Amino acid sequence: MRRPEDAAHAVRAGADLIGLIFAPGRRRVTAEEGRRVADAARSARPDSPPLIVGVFVDGSAGEVNEVAAAVGLDLVQLNGDEPPETVAAVTVPVIKALRPPPGTTVEAVLKTVAPYAALQRPPVAYLIDGYDPVAHGGTGHRADWDLAASLAARIPLVLAGGLTPENVSGAITRVHPLAVDVSSGTEIDGARDPTKDPAKVTAFIGAAWTAFVSVAPAPARPGGDA
């Protein structure tokens, strides 16, 4: 989320997590901008405020912790190749993102996850995103749902990658993730800058909620929007 009004709309529509991108790219916000978005999101539902998630790519633990404190982040999502020691040094709960290349097996992913899972404070979840050899999220590339479904039975999993209002229900029904993460799938088509489409945001969150209820027990934090 880049604009306070978009975050407030998503929360009123039912989003329980709001993402702020602090990694280089078109969706990046500064700590000051992120604080304004976070404040708007929390004000939109003060009795049950959303969790604010900061997304980083290969930043140092010191940099991540500094932004987390300045913005008031509840969670940090690490989308790069951060080693376990970086995860261990981050002061707020971590979601570690993975981008398995085509053909990756469940065993290979679990081997990658093992050093993180062995930490005294392991990641609270692992995000499975669509593969791209260069980009770290927001590409619209669909994740491998079969792989994700097998992993979801073994590790706490957040599903991302190519999700849209049209396919999120099927993704949730098939994979059974703890939560879903969307970025480009709720943006205005063809916009010069990444801009949220309020109708898509509403449709996505509604479809996600309906699907999570159908595969009850529904998670406490069913969906997020970045």
C-alpha atoms as a PDB file:
ATOM      1  CA  MET A   1       0.000   0.000   0.000  1.00  0.00           C
ATOM      2  CA  ARG A   2       1.300   3.444  -0.896  1.00  0.00           C
ATOM      3  CA  ARG A   3      -1.655   5.705  -0.096  1.00  0.00           C
ATOM      4  CA  PRO A   4      -3.424   6.090   3.255  1.00  0.00           C
ATOM      5  CA  GLU A   5      -6.846   6.121   1.605  1.00  0.00           C
ATOM      6  CA  ASP A   6      -6.164   2.790  -0.129  1.00  0.00           C
ATOM      7  CA  ALA A   7      -5.117   1.181   3.137  1.00  0.00           C
ATOM      8  CA  ALA A   8      -8.197   2.482   4.928  1.00  0.00           C
ATOM      9  CA  HIS A   9     -10.439   1.138   2.155  1.00  0.00           C
ATOM     10  CA  ALA A  10      -8.814  -2.304   2.320  1.00  0.00           C
ATOM     11  CA  VAL A  11      -9.239  -2.481   6.090  1.00  0.00           C
ATOM     12  CA  ARG A  12     -12.881  -1.447   5.893  1.00  0.00           C
ATOM     13  CA  ALA A  13     -13.351  -4.168   3.260  1.00  0.00           C
ATOM     14  CA  GLY A  14     -11.976  -6.747   5.693  1.00  0.00           C
ATOM     15  CA  ALA A  15      -8.194  -6.937   5.224  1.00  0.00           C
ATOM     16  CA  ASP A  16      -6.368  -8.072   8.351  1.00  0.00           C
ATOM     17  CA  LEU A  17      -2.856  -7.374   7.114  1.00  0.00           C
ATOM     18  CA  ILE A  18      -1.584  -4.304   5.274  1.00  0.00           C
ATOM     19  CA  GLY A  19       1.754  -4.456   3.480  1.00  0.00           C
ATOM     20  CA  LEU A  20       4.253  -1.644   3.043  1.00  0.00           C
ATOM     21  CA  ILE A  21       7.101  -2.075   0.569  1.00  0.00           C
ATOM     22  CA  PHE A  22      10.457  -0.726   1.762  1.00  0.00           C
ATOM     23  CA  ALA A  23      12.496  -2.481  -0.930  1.00  0.00           C
ATOM     24  CA  PRO A  24      13.624  -0.631  -4.082  1.00  0.00           C
ATOM     25  CA  GLY A  25      10.965  -0.501  -6.783  1.00  0.00           C
ATOM     26  CA  ARG A  26       7.858   1.306  -7.978  1.00  0.00           C
ATOM     27  CA  ARG A  27       5.850   0.404  -4.883  1.00  0.00           C
ATOM     28  CA  ARG A  28       8.448   1.603  -2.389  1.00  0.00           C
ATOM     29  CA  VAL A  29       7.481   3.952   0.444  1.00  0.00           C
ATOM     30  CA  THR A  30       9.652   5.863   2.883  1.00  0.00           C
ATOM     31  CA  ALA A  31       9.396   5.302   6.615  1.00  0.00           C
ATOM     32  CA  GLU A  32       7.481   8.570   6.934  1.00  0.00           C
ATOM     33  CA  GLU A  33       5.038   7.603   4.178  1.00  0.00           C
ATOM     34  CA  GLY A  34       4.683   4.143   5.670  1.00  0.00           C
ATOM     35  CA  ARG A  35       3.805   5.592   9.053  1.00  0.00           C
ATOM     36  CA  ARG A  36       0.990   7.624   7.506  1.00  0.00           C
ATOM     37  CA  VAL A  37      -0.380   4.566   5.719  1.00  0.00           C
ATOM     38  CA  ALA A  38      -0.145   2.485   8.895  1.00  0.00           C
ATOM     39  CA  ASP A  39      -1.923   5.147  10.936  1.00  0.00           C
ATOM     40  CA  ALA A  40      -4.744   5.343   8.378  1.00  0.00           C
ATOM     41  CA  ALA A  41      -5.111   1.562   8.328  1.00  0.00           C
ATOM     42  CA  ARG A  42      -5.339   1.318  12.098  1.00  0.00           C
ATOM     43  CA  SER A  43      -7.732   4.247  12.349  1.00  0.00           C
ATOM     44  CA  ALA A  44     -10.076   2.599   9.840  1.00  0.00           C
ATOM     45  CA  ARG A  45     -10.823  -0.199  12.326  1.00  0.00           C
ATOM     46  CA  PRO A  46      -9.605   0.847  15.782  1.00  0.00           C
ATOM     47  CA  ASP A  47     -11.433  -1.926  17.647  1.00  0.00           C
ATOM     48  CA  SER A  48      -9.702  -4.632  15.601  1.00  0.00           C
ATOM     49  CA  PRO A  49      -6.768  -3.003  13.808  1.00  0.00           C
ATOM     50  CA  PRO A  50      -4.893  -4.796  11.037  1.00  0.00           C
ATOM     51  CA  LEU A  51      -1.350  -5.999  11.369  1.00  0.00           C
ATOM     52  CA  ILE A  52       1.141  -3.830   9.494  1.00  0.00           C
ATOM     53  CA  VAL A  53       3.734  -5.800   7.533  1.00  0.00           C
ATOM     54  CA  GLY A  54       6.938  -4.259   6.211  1.00  0.00           C
ATOM     55  CA  VAL A  55       8.456  -5.904   3.130  1.00  0.00           C
ATOM     56  CA  PHE A  56      12.245  -5.800   2.697  1.00  0.00           C
ATOM     57  CA  VAL A  57      14.745  -7.318   0.265  1.00  0.00           C
ATOM     58  CA  ASP A  58      18.265  -8.136   1.447  1.00  0.00           C
ATOM     59  CA  GLY A  59      18.485  -5.302   3.953  1.00  0.00           C
ATOM     60  CA  SER A  60      20.581  -5.616   7.085  1.00  0.00           C
ATOM     61  CA  ALA A  61      18.875  -6.470  10.352  1.00  0.00           C
ATOM     62  CA  GLY A  62      19.823  -3.023  11.614  1.00  0.00           C
ATOM     63  CA  GLU A  63      18.092  -1.314   8.698  1.00  0.00           C
ATOM     64  CA  VAL A  64      14.999  -3.473   9.083  1.00  0.00           C
ATOM     65  CA  ASN A  65      14.807  -2.858  12.823  1.00  0.00           C
ATOM     66  CA  GLU A  66      15.196   0.895  12.373  1.00  0.00           C
ATOM     67  CA  VAL A  67      12.280   1.085   9.926  1.00  0.00           C
ATOM     68  CA  ALA A  68      10.184  -1.295  12.017  1.00  0.00           C
ATOM     69  CA  ALA A  69      10.564   0.968  15.038  1.00  0.00           C
ATOM     70  CA  ALA A  70       9.926   4.177  13.088  1.00  0.00           C
ATOM     71  CA  VAL A  71       6.772   2.883  11.403  1.00  0.00           C
ATOM     72  CA  GLY A  72       5.468   0.635  14.165  1.00  0.00           C
ATOM     73  CA  LEU A  73       5.537  -2.586  12.165  1.00  0.00           C
ATOM     74  CA  ASP A  74       3.860  -5.674  13.595  1.00  0.00           C
ATOM     75  CA  LEU A  75       5.553  -8.084  11.194  1.00  0.00           C
ATOM     76  CA  VAL A  76       8.462  -8.053   8.764  1.00  0.00           C
ATOM     77  CA  GLN A  77       8.443  -9.961   5.478  1.00  0.00           C
ATOM     78  CA  LEU A  78      11.913 -10.721   4.131  1.00  0.00           C
ATOM     79  CA  ASN A  79      11.686 -11.254   0.385  1.00  0.00           C
ATOM     80  CA  GLY A  80      15.347 -11.627  -0.520  1.00  0.00           C
ATOM     81  CA  ASP A  81      18.095 -14.129   0.185  1.00  0.00           C
ATOM     82  CA  GLU A  82      18.447 -13.179   3.832  1.00  0.00           C
ATOM     83  CA  PRO A  83      20.382 -15.822   5.825  1.00  0.00           C
ATOM     84  CA  PRO A  84      19.111 -17.259   9.110  1.00  0.00           C
ATOM     85  CA  GLU A  85      21.387 -14.967  11.125  1.00  0.00           C
ATOM     86  CA  THR A  86      19.621 -11.918   9.674  1.00  0.00           C
ATOM     87  CA  VAL A  87      16.233 -13.372  10.584  1.00  0.00           C
ATOM     88  CA  ALA A  88      17.503 -14.065  14.096  1.00  0.00           C
ATOM     89  CA  ALA A  89      18.604 -10.439  14.535  1.00  0.00           C
ATOM     90  CA  VAL A  90      15.291  -8.858  13.483  1.00  0.00           C
ATOM     91  CA  THR A  91      13.355  -7.691  16.524  1.00  0.00           C
ATOM     92  CA  VAL A  92       9.788  -8.212  15.251  1.00  0.00           C
ATOM     93  CA  PRO A  93       8.195 -11.459  14.005  1.00  0.00           C
ATOM     94  CA  VAL A  94       9.361 -12.483  10.530  1.00  0.00           C
ATOM     95  CA  ILE A  95       7.658 -13.981   7.492  1.00  0.00           C
ATOM     96  CA  LYS A  96      10.363 -15.468   5.253  1.00  0.00           C
ATOM     97  CA  ALA A  97       9.517 -15.430   1.561  1.00  0.00           C
ATOM     98  CA  LEU A  98      10.592 -18.197  -0.809  1.00  0.00           C
ATOM     99  CA  ARG A  99      10.442 -18.292  -4.618  1.00  0.00           C
ATOM    100  CA  PRO A 100      10.835 -21.949  -5.587  1.00  0.00           C
ATOM    101  CA  PRO A 101      11.919 -22.408  -9.227  1.00  0.00           C
ATOM    102  CA  PRO A 102       9.811 -24.664 -11.451  1.00  0.00           C
ATOM    103  CA  GLY A 103      10.317 -28.314 -10.616  1.00  0.00           C
ATOM    104  CA  THR A 104      11.282 -27.714  -6.989  1.00  0.00           C
ATOM    105  CA  THR A 105      10.305 -30.575  -4.695  1.00  0.00           C
ATOM    106  CA  VAL A 106       8.740 -30.398  -1.252  1.00  0.00           C
ATOM    107  CA  GLU A 107      11.891 -31.949   0.191  1.00  0.00           C
ATOM    108  CA  ALA A 108      14.068 -29.232  -1.362  1.00  0.00           C
ATOM    109  CA  VAL A 109      11.944 -26.469   0.139  1.00  0.00           C
ATOM    110  CA  LEU A 110      11.946 -28.123   3.559  1.00  0.00           C
ATOM    111  CA  LYS A 111      15.742 -28.376   3.364  1.00  0.00           C
ATOM    112  CA  THR A 112      15.889 -24.638   2.661  1.00  0.00           C
ATOM    113  CA  VAL A 113      13.517 -23.920   5.533  1.00  0.00           C
ATOM    114  CA  ALA A 114      15.316 -26.117   8.084  1.00  0.00           C
ATOM    115  CA  PRO A 115      18.014 -23.607   9.201  1.00  0.00           C
ATOM    116  CA  TYR A 116      15.344 -20.946   9.745  1.00  0.00           C
ATOM    117  CA  ALA A 117      13.040 -23.323  11.596  1.00  0.00           C
ATOM    118  CA  ALA A 118      15.914 -24.217  13.941  1.00  0.00           C
ATOM    119  CA  LEU A 119      16.289 -20.635  15.171  1.00  0.00           C
ATOM    120  CA  GLN A 120      15.314 -19.765  18.724  1.00  0.00           C
ATOM    121  CA  ARG A 121      12.768 -17.381  17.188  1.00  0.00           C
ATOM    122  CA  PRO A 122      11.934 -18.972  13.825  1.00  0.00           C
ATOM    123  CA  PRO A 123       9.800 -17.236  11.204  1.00  0.00           C
ATOM    124  CA  VAL A 124       6.115 -17.201  12.086  1.00  0.00           C
ATOM    125  CA  ALA A 125       5.323 -18.228   8.499  1.00  0.00           C
ATOM    126  CA  TYR A 126       6.886 -18.857   5.104  1.00  0.00           C
ATOM    127  CA  LEU A 127       5.503 -17.093   2.045  1.00  0.00           C
ATOM    128  CA  ILE A 128       5.495 -19.027  -1.221  1.00  0.00           C
ATOM    129  CA  ASP A 129       5.660 -16.680  -4.199  1.00  0.00           C
ATOM    130  CA  GLY A 130       5.779 -17.111  -7.954  1.00  0.00           C
ATOM    131  CA  TYR A 131       9.266 -17.680  -9.336  1.00  0.00           C
ATOM    132  CA  ASP A 132      11.194 -14.921 -11.064  1.00  0.00           C
ATOM    133  CA  PRO A 133      14.978 -15.118 -11.526  1.00  0.00           C
ATOM    134  CA  VAL A 134      15.408 -11.404 -10.769  1.00  0.00           C
ATOM    135  CA  ALA A 135      12.357  -9.777  -9.168  1.00  0.00           C
ATOM    136  CA  HIS A 136      11.427 -10.315  -5.526  1.00  0.00           C
ATOM    137  CA  GLY A 137       7.621 -10.238  -5.577  1.00  0.00           C
ATOM    138  CA  GLY A 138       4.924  -8.165  -7.216  1.00  0.00           C
ATOM    139  CA  THR A 139       5.489  -9.801 -10.607  1.00  0.00           C
ATOM    140  CA  GLY A 140       2.073 -11.393 -11.045  1.00  0.00           C
ATOM    141  CA  HIS A 141       3.742 -14.771 -11.647  1.00  0.00           C
ATOM    142  CA  ARG A 142       1.644 -17.563 -10.216  1.00  0.00           C
ATOM    143  CA  ALA A 143       3.100 -19.831  -7.555  1.00  0.00           C
ATOM    144  CA  ASP A 144       2.991 -23.608  -7.859  1.00  0.00           C
ATOM    145  CA  TRP A 145      -0.253 -24.392  -6.034  1.00  0.00           C
ATOM    146  CA  ASP A 146       0.415 -28.136  -5.888  1.00  0.00           C
ATOM    147  CA  LEU A 147       3.777 -27.539  -4.228  1.00  0.00           C
ATOM    148  CA  ALA A 148       2.245 -24.944  -1.924  1.00  0.00           C
ATOM    149  CA  ALA A 149      -0.555 -27.316  -0.895  1.00  0.00           C
ATOM    150  CA  SER A 150       1.928 -30.017   0.054  1.00  0.00           C
ATOM    151  CA  LEU A 151       4.002 -27.509   2.017  1.00  0.00           C
ATOM    152  CA  ALA A 152       0.972 -26.039   3.789  1.00  0.00           C
ATOM    153  CA  ALA A 153       0.470 -29.387   5.501  1.00  0.00           C
ATOM    154  CA  ARG A 154       4.002 -29.171   6.930  1.00  0.00           C
ATOM    155  CA  ILE A 155       4.851 -25.515   7.567  1.00  0.00           C
ATOM    156  CA  PRO A 156       2.889 -22.319   8.310  1.00  0.00           C
ATOM    157  CA  LEU A 157       2.368 -20.975   4.805  1.00  0.00           C
ATOM    158  CA  VAL A 158       1.252 -17.717   3.230  1.00  0.00           C
ATOM    159  CA  LEU A 159       0.367 -17.951  -0.460  1.00  0.00           C
ATOM    160  CA  ALA A 160       1.301 -15.214  -2.922  1.00  0.00           C
ATOM    161  CA  GLY A 161       2.043 -15.011  -6.621  1.00  0.00           C
ATOM    162  CA  GLY A 162      -0.435 -14.173  -9.348  1.00  0.00           C
ATOM    163  CA  LEU A 163      -3.488 -14.016  -7.102  1.00  0.00           C
ATOM    164  CA  THR A 164      -6.512 -12.069  -8.350  1.00  0.00           C
ATOM    165  CA  PRO A 165     -10.144 -11.592  -7.341  1.00  0.00           C
ATOM    166  CA  GLU A 166     -11.004 -14.288  -9.880  1.00  0.00           C
ATOM    167  CA  ASN A 167      -8.646 -17.032  -8.698  1.00  0.00           C
ATOM    168  CA  VAL A 168      -8.065 -16.433  -4.985  1.00  0.00           C
ATOM    169  CA  SER A 169     -11.011 -18.597  -3.932  1.00  0.00           C
ATOM    170  CA  GLY A 170      -9.693 -21.568  -5.873  1.00  0.00           C
ATOM    171  CA  ALA A 171      -6.202 -20.986  -4.515  1.00  0.00           C
ATOM    172  CA  ILE A 172      -7.378 -21.014  -0.906  1.00  0.00           C
ATOM    173  CA  THR A 173      -9.578 -24.069  -1.414  1.00  0.00           C
ATOM    174  CA  ARG A 174      -6.714 -25.973  -3.007  1.00  0.00           C
ATOM    175  CA  VAL A 175      -3.759 -24.871  -0.876  1.00  0.00           C
ATOM    176  CA  HIS A 176      -5.286 -24.165   2.573  1.00  0.00           C
ATOM    177  CA  PRO A 177      -2.786 -21.411   3.435  1.00  0.00           C
ATOM    178  CA  LEU A 178      -2.793 -19.432   6.658  1.00  0.00           C
ATOM    179  CA  ALA A 179      -3.182 -16.232   4.654  1.00  0.00           C
ATOM    180  CA  VAL A 180      -2.949 -14.869   1.128  1.00  0.00           C
ATOM    181  CA  ASP A 181      -0.892 -11.957  -0.147  1.00  0.00           C
ATOM    182  CA  VAL A 182      -1.759  -9.826  -3.170  1.00  0.00           C
ATOM    183  CA  SER A 183      -0.049  -6.896  -4.851  1.00  0.00           C
ATOM    184  CA  SER A 184      -0.381  -6.490  -8.616  1.00  0.00           C
ATOM    185  CA  GLY A 185      -3.640  -8.464  -8.683  1.00  0.00           C
ATOM    186  CA  THR A 186      -5.571  -5.597  -7.082  1.00  0.00           C
ATOM    187  CA  GLU A 187      -4.017  -2.734  -9.046  1.00  0.00           C
ATOM    188  CA  ILE A 188      -5.504  -0.637 -11.852  1.00  0.00           C
ATOM    189  CA  ASP A 189      -4.650  -2.195 -15.204  1.00  0.00           C
ATOM    190  CA  GLY A 190      -2.256  -0.121 -17.280  1.00  0.00           C
ATOM    191  CA  ALA A 191      -1.589   2.549 -14.659  1.00  0.00           C
ATOM    192  CA  ARG A 192       1.784   4.285 -14.938  1.00  0.00           C
ATOM    193  CA  ASP A 193       2.313   3.973 -11.186  1.00  0.00           C
ATOM    194  CA  PRO A 194       1.061   0.984  -9.172  1.00  0.00           C
ATOM    195  CA  THR A 195      -2.335   2.196  -7.961  1.00  0.00           C
ATOM    196  CA  LYS A 196      -4.943   0.180  -6.113  1.00  0.00           C
ATOM    197  CA  ASP A 197      -8.309  -0.440  -7.776  1.00  0.00           C
ATOM    198  CA  PRO A 198     -10.892  -0.150  -4.973  1.00  0.00           C
ATOM    199  CA  ALA A 199     -13.319  -2.496  -6.724  1.00  0.00           C
ATOM    200  CA  LYS A 200     -10.644  -5.170  -7.141  1.00  0.00           C
ATOM    201  CA  VAL A 201      -9.559  -4.794  -3.527  1.00  0.00           C
ATOM    202  CA  THR A 202     -13.131  -5.251  -2.303  1.00  0.00           C
ATOM    203  CA  ALA A 203     -13.727  -8.219  -4.603  1.00  0.00           C
ATOM    204  CA  PHE A 204     -10.463  -9.904  -3.634  1.00  0.00           C
ATOM    205  CA  ILE A 205     -11.022  -9.602   0.098  1.00  0.00           C
ATOM    206  CA  GLY A 206     -14.627 -10.751  -0.181  1.00  0.00           C
ATOM    207  CA  ALA A 207     -13.657 -13.807  -2.203  1.00  0.00           C
ATOM    208  CA  ALA A 208     -10.819 -14.624   0.185  1.00  0.00           C
ATOM    209  CA  TRP A 209     -13.027 -14.393   3.256  1.00  0.00           C
ATOM    210  CA  THR A 210     -15.685 -16.606   1.680  1.00  0.00           C
ATOM    211  CA  ALA A 211     -13.100 -19.220   0.739  1.00  0.00           C
ATOM    212  CA  PHE A 212     -11.446 -19.228   4.156  1.00  0.00           C
ATOM    213  CA  VAL A 213     -14.815 -19.733   5.826  1.00  0.00           C
ATOM    214  CA  SER A 214     -15.505 -22.659   3.503  1.00  0.00           C
ATOM    215  CA  VAL A 215     -12.286 -24.398   4.573  1.00  0.00           C
ATOM    216  CA  ALA A 216     -12.881 -23.649   8.277  1.00  0.00           C
ATOM    217  CA  PRO A 217     -11.522 -23.307  10.816  1.00  0.00           C
ATOM    218  CA  ALA A 218     -10.863 -19.873   9.373  1.00  0.00           C
ATOM    219  CA  PRO A 219      -7.548 -18.240  10.325  1.00  0.00           C
ATOM    220  CA  ALA A 220      -7.478 -15.249  12.621  1.00  0.00           C
ATOM    221  CA  ARG A 221      -5.655 -13.212   9.975  1.00  0.00           C
ATOM    222  CA  PRO A 222      -7.083 -14.285   6.619  1.00  0.00           C
ATOM    223  CA  GLY A 223      -5.737 -11.860   4.067  1.00  0.00           C
ATOM    224  CA  GLY A 224      -3.339  -9.076   3.273  1.00  0.00           C
ATOM    225  CA  ASP A 225      -2.797  -6.424   0.656  1.00  0.00           C
ATOM    226  CA  ALA A 226       0.435  -4.703  -0.271  1.00  0.00           C
END
